[in-house]
Amino acid sequence: MSPECATDCQTLATLTAFQRDLLRTLAKTDEQSGLSLKTDLTTYYGEAINHSRLYQNLDELVRHGLINKRQRDGRTNSYSLTDAAQTALAKRDAWIRGETA
């Protein structure tokens, strides 16, 4: 495993379940708005997702270098996975399946 991947995979391992669920939700499509993510997670959890919880966790994932954030317009941001996040998620999936990297 490359040093970059080891770092990315370690970062993924330290995330909360909610943060990993955000990454998995983003992995379904190329780019999503915060509202779209909130809707998807509300459906999955079966309860309302607090606005503050959502955006604090998105900002944390941006700081970790796992998601990109770009401004669509004056009010809306779009979020997408970074290459590091895609690699880390693939490595985690392989680990869960019992495969070695």
Protein backbone atom coordinates (compact mmCIF):
# COMPACT_ATOMS: atom_id res chain seq x y z
CA MET A 1 0.00 0.00 0.00
CA SER A 2 1.36 3.40 -0.92
CA PRO A 3 2.13 5.91 1.86
CA GLU A 4 -0.58 8.21 0.47
CA CYS A 5 -3.20 5.48 0.64
CA ALA A 6 -2.11 4.43 4.11
CA THR A 7 -2.65 7.99 5.28
CA ASP A 8 -6.03 8.24 3.52
CA CYS A 9 -7.16 4.89 4.91
CA GLN A 10 -6.06 5.87 8.42
CA THR A 11 -8.01 9.10 8.11
CA LEU A 12 -11.09 7.17 6.97
CA ALA A 13 -10.75 4.84 9.96
CA THR A 14 -10.85 7.77 12.38
CA LEU A 15 -14.08 9.24 10.98
CA THR A 16 -17.43 8.95 12.67
CA ALA A 17 -20.07 6.64 11.20
CA PHE A 18 -22.03 9.74 10.14
CA GLN A 19 -19.00 11.09 8.27
CA ARG A 20 -18.49 7.75 6.51
CA ASP A 21 -22.19 7.74 5.61
CA LEU A 22 -21.72 11.20 4.09
CA LEU A 23 -18.86 9.85 1.97
CA ARG A 24 -20.94 6.84 0.89
CA THR A 25 -23.82 9.12 -0.03
CA LEU A 26 -21.48 11.29 -2.11
CA ALA A 27 -20.08 8.18 -3.78
CA LYS A 28 -23.51 7.52 -5.35
CA THR A 29 -23.28 10.53 -7.67
CA ASP A 30 -20.55 12.82 -8.96
CA GLU A 31 -21.68 15.93 -7.09
CA GLN A 32 -24.43 16.84 -4.64
CA SER A 33 -25.69 19.87 -2.79
CA GLY A 34 -25.90 19.92 0.99
CA LEU A 35 -29.70 19.77 0.76
CA SER A 36 -29.53 16.68 -1.44
CA LEU A 37 -27.17 14.98 1.03
CA LYS A 38 -29.46 15.95 3.90
CA THR A 39 -32.47 14.45 2.10
CA ASP A 40 -30.64 11.19 1.34
CA LEU A 41 -29.40 10.81 4.91
CA THR A 42 -32.80 11.70 6.39
CA THR A 43 -34.32 8.91 4.31
CA TYR A 44 -31.59 6.45 5.37
CA TYR A 45 -31.72 7.30 9.09
CA GLY A 46 -35.49 7.72 9.19
CA GLU A 47 -35.18 10.98 11.12
CA ALA A 48 -34.39 14.61 10.42
CA ILE A 49 -30.73 15.54 10.09
CA ASN A 50 -29.80 18.71 11.94
CA HIS A 51 -28.55 21.43 9.59
CA SER A 52 -25.62 22.27 11.87
CA ARG A 53 -24.56 18.62 12.21
CA LEU A 54 -24.56 18.18 8.44
CA TYR A 55 -22.51 21.24 7.56
CA GLN A 56 -20.04 20.90 10.44
CA ASN A 57 -19.29 17.36 9.28
CA LEU A 58 -19.02 18.39 5.63
CA ASP A 59 -16.54 21.09 6.61
CA GLU A 60 -14.54 18.54 8.62
CA LEU A 61 -14.37 16.22 5.60
CA VAL A 62 -13.16 19.14 3.48
CA ARG A 63 -10.39 19.80 6.05
CA HIS A 64 -9.40 16.11 5.89
CA GLY A 65 -9.09 16.42 2.11
CA LEU A 66 -11.77 13.81 1.49
CA ILE A 67 -14.35 16.01 -0.23
CA ASN A 68 -14.23 19.00 -2.51
CA LYS A 69 -16.52 21.95 -1.91
CA ARG A 70 -17.36 24.43 -4.62
CA GLN A 71 -19.80 27.27 -4.75
CA ARG A 72 -22.65 26.82 -7.26
CA ASP A 73 -24.22 30.21 -6.64
CA GLY A 74 -24.49 32.71 -3.81
CA ARG A 75 -26.37 30.28 -1.58
CA THR A 76 -25.59 26.74 -2.71
CA ASN A 77 -22.43 24.67 -2.45
CA SER A 78 -21.70 21.41 -4.24
CA TYR A 79 -19.73 18.58 -2.71
CA SER A 80 -17.84 15.74 -4.38
CA LEU A 81 -15.37 13.07 -3.34
CA THR A 82 -11.66 13.63 -3.80
CA ASP A 83 -9.46 10.99 -5.38
CA ALA A 84 -8.09 10.29 -1.89
CA ALA A 85 -11.60 9.52 -0.60
CA GLN A 86 -12.39 7.26 -3.53
CA THR A 87 -9.15 5.34 -2.98
CA ALA A 88 -9.73 5.08 0.77
CA LEU A 89 -13.31 3.84 0.28
CA ALA A 90 -12.16 1.22 -2.23
CA LYS A 91 -9.43 0.04 0.17
CA ARG A 92 -11.96 -0.13 3.03
CA ASP A 93 -14.34 -2.17 0.86
CA ALA A 94 -11.51 -4.57 0.00
CA TRP A 95 -10.61 -4.87 3.68
CA ILE A 96 -14.25 -5.62 4.60
CA ARG A 97 -14.36 -8.34 1.92
CA GLY A 98 -11.20 -9.83 3.44
CA GLU A 99 -8.98 -8.95 0.51
CA THR A 100 -5.48 -7.68 1.02
CA ALA A 101 -4.28 -4.55 -0.71
